[in-house]
Amino acid sequence: MVRGGQQTAEKILETAHHLFMARGYVGVSINEVVQTVGITKPSLYYHYADKESLYAAVAERALDTMGTELRAAISDADMPFAHQLRAVILAIQAHNGEDFRMMRHEMRVHLDATHQHRIGMRFYASMMAPIETLMERGISLGELVGRSASELAMLFLCLIEAYTGPEAMAVHLRLTADHISEMFLYGVAAPRVTRVEQIHAEE
């Protein structure tokens, strides 16, 4: 019975995931979810108290999957730093149909404070923490300078998301993992030369 219940809960999550990612929180109803899964409303509510709880569970599931893949991408400490950047980009691009920016926006708009806090903590643990670990490695190797690991992690994630995902910007300006890693290493995270340093260098 428990096994059957777990399978039902997983099927609900899988179905809701596809629907929410395609149409957003407002565009999906509980009726549509139960009809697609082929269950009754009481069956769904046995596992998830309401639409908010279902959306939160979908978000946590997606973040957990992403976190596992990001940690795997940076697990080889002997891999060159630029290759690790590329591995992280590829891991995120593999989830191109999942708009995590939209998810974070809808979380703030539609979910209560308790759900927001829990998903926010999961977002940090699953996405930000692995990238911060990679940035710390880059700093220790001398590949990155002038910024904290947390700041670099946020800049790196924002750069990836700008060119990844279902939005029009991503469709028209899609860049390869190599291009994005080069933009980050030699643009955003490149050593900054002050005007004073430039004058001294020219003397």
Protein backbone atom coordinates (compact mmCIF):
# COMPACT_ATOMS: atom_id res chain seq x y z
CA MET A 1 0.00 0.00 0.00
CA VAL A 2 2.81 2.37 0.90
CA ARG A 3 4.63 1.52 -2.31
CA GLY A 4 1.49 2.22 -4.34
CA GLY A 5 1.06 5.50 -2.51
CA GLN A 6 4.63 6.50 -3.29
CA GLN A 7 4.10 5.70 -6.95
CA THR A 8 0.94 7.81 -7.00
CA ALA A 9 2.71 10.72 -5.33
CA GLU A 10 5.55 10.48 -7.86
CA LYS A 11 3.12 10.38 -10.78
CA ILE A 12 1.33 13.44 -9.41
CA LEU A 13 4.65 15.30 -9.11
CA GLU A 14 5.78 14.30 -12.60
CA THR A 15 2.50 15.43 -14.16
CA ALA A 16 2.33 18.66 -12.17
CA HIS A 17 5.96 19.40 -13.04
CA HIS A 18 5.27 19.30 -16.78
CA LEU A 19 2.08 21.35 -16.43
CA PHE A 20 3.55 24.03 -14.17
CA MET A 21 6.67 24.40 -16.32
CA ALA A 22 4.56 24.74 -19.45
CA ARG A 23 1.92 27.15 -18.17
CA GLY A 24 2.96 28.50 -14.80
CA TYR A 25 1.19 28.43 -11.45
CA VAL A 26 -1.95 30.32 -12.49
CA GLY A 27 -2.36 28.38 -15.73
CA VAL A 28 -2.72 25.00 -14.02
CA SER A 29 -5.68 23.79 -11.97
CA ILE A 30 -5.97 20.90 -9.54
CA ASN A 31 -8.77 19.51 -11.72
CA GLU A 32 -6.40 19.33 -14.67
CA VAL A 33 -3.75 17.56 -12.63
CA VAL A 34 -6.10 14.88 -11.28
CA GLN A 35 -7.68 14.32 -14.70
CA THR A 36 -4.27 13.93 -16.34
CA VAL A 37 -3.03 11.55 -13.65
CA GLY A 38 -6.32 9.66 -13.58
CA ILE A 39 -7.06 9.98 -9.87
CA THR A 40 -9.61 11.74 -7.69
CA LYS A 41 -9.14 15.00 -5.80
CA PRO A 42 -9.17 13.22 -2.41
CA SER A 43 -6.31 11.03 -3.67
CA LEU A 44 -4.25 14.09 -4.58
CA TYR A 45 -5.07 15.88 -1.32
CA TYR A 46 -3.95 12.80 0.60
CA HIS A 47 -0.42 13.51 -0.64
CA TYR A 48 -0.51 17.31 -1.09
CA ALA A 49 -2.70 19.55 1.02
CA ASP A 50 -3.39 22.14 -1.67
CA LYS A 51 -2.10 23.69 -4.89
CA GLU A 52 0.57 25.66 -3.00
CA SER A 53 1.93 22.50 -1.40
CA LEU A 54 1.96 20.72 -4.75
CA TYR A 55 3.84 23.57 -6.44
CA ALA A 56 6.33 23.68 -3.58
CA ALA A 57 6.91 19.92 -3.86
CA VAL A 58 7.48 20.26 -7.62
CA ALA A 59 9.98 23.07 -7.04
CA GLU A 60 11.85 21.12 -4.36
CA ARG A 61 12.01 18.03 -6.57
CA ALA A 62 13.41 20.03 -9.50
CA LEU A 63 15.98 21.73 -7.28
CA ASP A 64 17.07 18.44 -5.70
CA THR A 65 17.66 16.95 -9.15
CA MET A 66 19.62 20.01 -10.24
CA GLY A 67 21.68 19.96 -7.05
CA THR A 68 22.68 16.34 -7.57
CA GLU A 69 23.79 17.08 -11.12
CA LEU A 70 25.72 20.23 -10.18
CA ARG A 71 27.61 18.45 -7.41
CA ALA A 72 28.50 15.68 -9.85
CA ALA A 73 29.69 18.28 -12.37
CA ILE A 74 32.25 19.72 -9.95
CA SER A 75 33.22 16.47 -8.19
CA ASP A 76 36.47 15.97 -10.11
CA ALA A 77 38.90 18.34 -8.38
CA ASP A 78 41.60 17.47 -10.94
CA MET A 79 39.53 18.77 -13.85
CA PRO A 80 40.76 22.15 -15.16
CA PHE A 81 38.74 25.03 -13.73
CA ALA A 82 37.45 26.20 -17.13
CA HIS A 83 36.21 22.66 -17.82
CA GLN A 84 34.35 22.64 -14.50
CA LEU A 85 32.66 25.91 -15.41
CA ARG A 86 31.58 24.34 -18.68
CA ALA A 87 30.29 21.23 -16.89
CA VAL A 88 28.11 23.38 -14.63
CA ILE A 89 26.74 25.31 -17.61
CA LEU A 90 25.93 22.08 -19.44
CA ALA A 91 24.17 20.67 -16.37
CA ILE A 92 21.93 23.74 -16.17
CA GLN A 93 21.36 23.89 -19.94
CA ALA A 94 20.24 20.25 -19.85
CA HIS A 95 17.18 21.53 -17.97
CA ASN A 96 16.37 24.06 -20.68
CA GLY A 97 12.62 23.48 -20.35
CA GLU A 98 12.68 24.41 -16.67
CA ASP A 99 12.63 28.15 -16.09
CA PHE A 100 14.01 28.49 -12.57
CA ARG A 101 13.71 32.28 -12.74
CA MET A 102 9.99 31.96 -13.43
CA MET A 103 9.74 29.45 -10.60
CA ARG A 104 11.39 31.84 -8.15
CA HIS A 105 9.11 34.68 -9.27
CA GLU A 106 5.94 32.61 -8.93
CA MET A 107 7.08 31.35 -5.55
CA ARG A 108 7.27 34.95 -4.28
CA VAL A 109 3.88 35.83 -5.76
CA HIS A 110 1.78 32.76 -5.02
CA LEU A 111 3.29 30.86 -2.07
CA ASP A 112 3.10 31.72 1.62
CA ALA A 113 6.11 32.69 3.70
CA THR A 114 6.67 29.18 5.04
CA HIS A 115 6.86 27.65 1.57
CA GLN A 116 9.00 30.52 0.32
CA HIS A 117 11.51 30.07 3.11
CA ARG A 118 11.74 26.31 2.63
CA ILE A 119 12.23 26.56 -1.14
CA GLY A 120 14.67 29.44 -0.70
CA MET A 121 16.80 27.28 1.56
CA ARG A 122 16.56 24.41 -0.93
CA PHE A 123 17.57 26.75 -3.79
CA TYR A 124 20.67 27.82 -1.91
CA ALA A 125 21.65 24.26 -0.97
CA SER A 126 20.98 22.82 -4.42
CA MET A 127 22.16 25.53 -6.80
CA MET A 128 24.10 28.28 -5.06
CA ALA A 129 26.20 26.18 -2.67
CA PRO A 130 27.76 23.94 -5.38
CA ILE A 131 28.54 26.97 -7.55
CA GLU A 132 30.02 28.84 -4.57
CA THR A 133 32.23 25.81 -3.91
CA LEU A 134 33.44 26.01 -7.50
CA MET A 135 34.08 29.76 -7.19
CA GLU A 136 36.12 29.18 -4.02
CA ARG A 137 38.18 26.67 -5.97
CA GLY A 138 38.71 29.22 -8.73
CA ILE A 139 39.83 31.84 -6.21
CA SER A 140 42.28 29.43 -4.59
CA LEU A 141 43.72 28.59 -8.01
CA GLY A 142 44.15 32.26 -8.86
CA GLU A 143 41.66 32.01 -11.73
CA LEU A 144 39.28 34.48 -10.07
CA VAL A 145 40.15 37.65 -8.18
CA GLY A 146 38.55 40.73 -6.72
CA ARG A 147 35.17 39.32 -5.69
CA SER A 148 33.81 36.97 -3.06
CA ALA A 149 32.78 33.43 -3.93
CA SER A 150 29.12 34.21 -3.21
CA GLU A 151 29.17 37.27 -5.49
CA LEU A 152 30.90 35.34 -8.26
CA ALA A 153 28.42 32.47 -7.91
CA MET A 154 25.46 34.81 -8.34
CA LEU A 155 27.06 36.54 -11.33
CA PHE A 156 27.84 33.19 -12.94
CA LEU A 157 24.31 31.86 -12.43
CA CYS A 158 22.75 35.08 -13.76
CA LEU A 159 24.94 34.87 -16.86
CA ILE A 160 23.96 31.26 -17.50
CA GLU A 161 20.25 31.97 -17.00
CA ALA A 162 20.39 34.95 -19.37
CA TYR A 163 21.24 32.59 -22.23
CA THR A 164 19.43 29.46 -21.10
CA GLY A 165 15.76 28.61 -20.83
CA PRO A 166 12.53 28.95 -22.79
CA GLU A 167 12.41 32.77 -22.83
CA ALA A 168 12.78 34.69 -26.11
CA MET A 169 16.19 36.03 -25.11
CA ALA A 170 17.48 32.51 -24.72
CA VAL A 171 15.93 31.39 -28.01
CA HIS A 172 17.49 34.20 -30.04
CA LEU A 173 20.79 34.56 -28.21
CA ARG A 174 21.58 31.02 -27.20
CA LEU A 175 25.28 30.63 -26.52
CA THR A 176 27.29 27.46 -26.14
CA ALA A 177 28.78 26.44 -22.81
CA ASP A 178 32.22 27.38 -24.15
CA HIS A 179 31.09 30.90 -25.01
CA ILE A 180 29.44 31.45 -21.64
CA SER A 181 32.44 30.15 -19.69
CA GLU A 182 34.75 32.43 -21.71
CA MET A 183 32.48 35.43 -21.12
CA PHE A 184 32.62 34.74 -17.39
CA LEU A 185 36.34 34.02 -17.11
CA TYR A 186 37.57 36.81 -19.38
CA GLY A 187 34.77 39.32 -18.88
CA VAL A 188 32.72 39.26 -15.69
CA ALA A 189 35.37 37.61 -13.52
CA ALA A 190 38.46 38.99 -15.24
CA PRO A 191 40.96 40.91 -13.07
CA ARG A 192 39.91 44.55 -12.94
CA VAL A 193 42.61 47.11 -13.70
CA THR A 194 42.08 50.49 -12.07
CA ARG A 195 42.87 53.74 -13.86
CA VAL A 196 45.83 54.30 -11.50
CA GLU A 197 47.23 50.86 -12.30
CA GLN A 198 46.77 51.52 -16.00
CA ILE A 199 48.70 54.81 -15.79
CA HIS A 200 51.56 53.14 -13.92
CA ALA A 201 51.64 50.36 -16.50
CA GLU A 202 51.92 52.88 -19.32
CA GLU A 203 54.81 54.81 -17.72
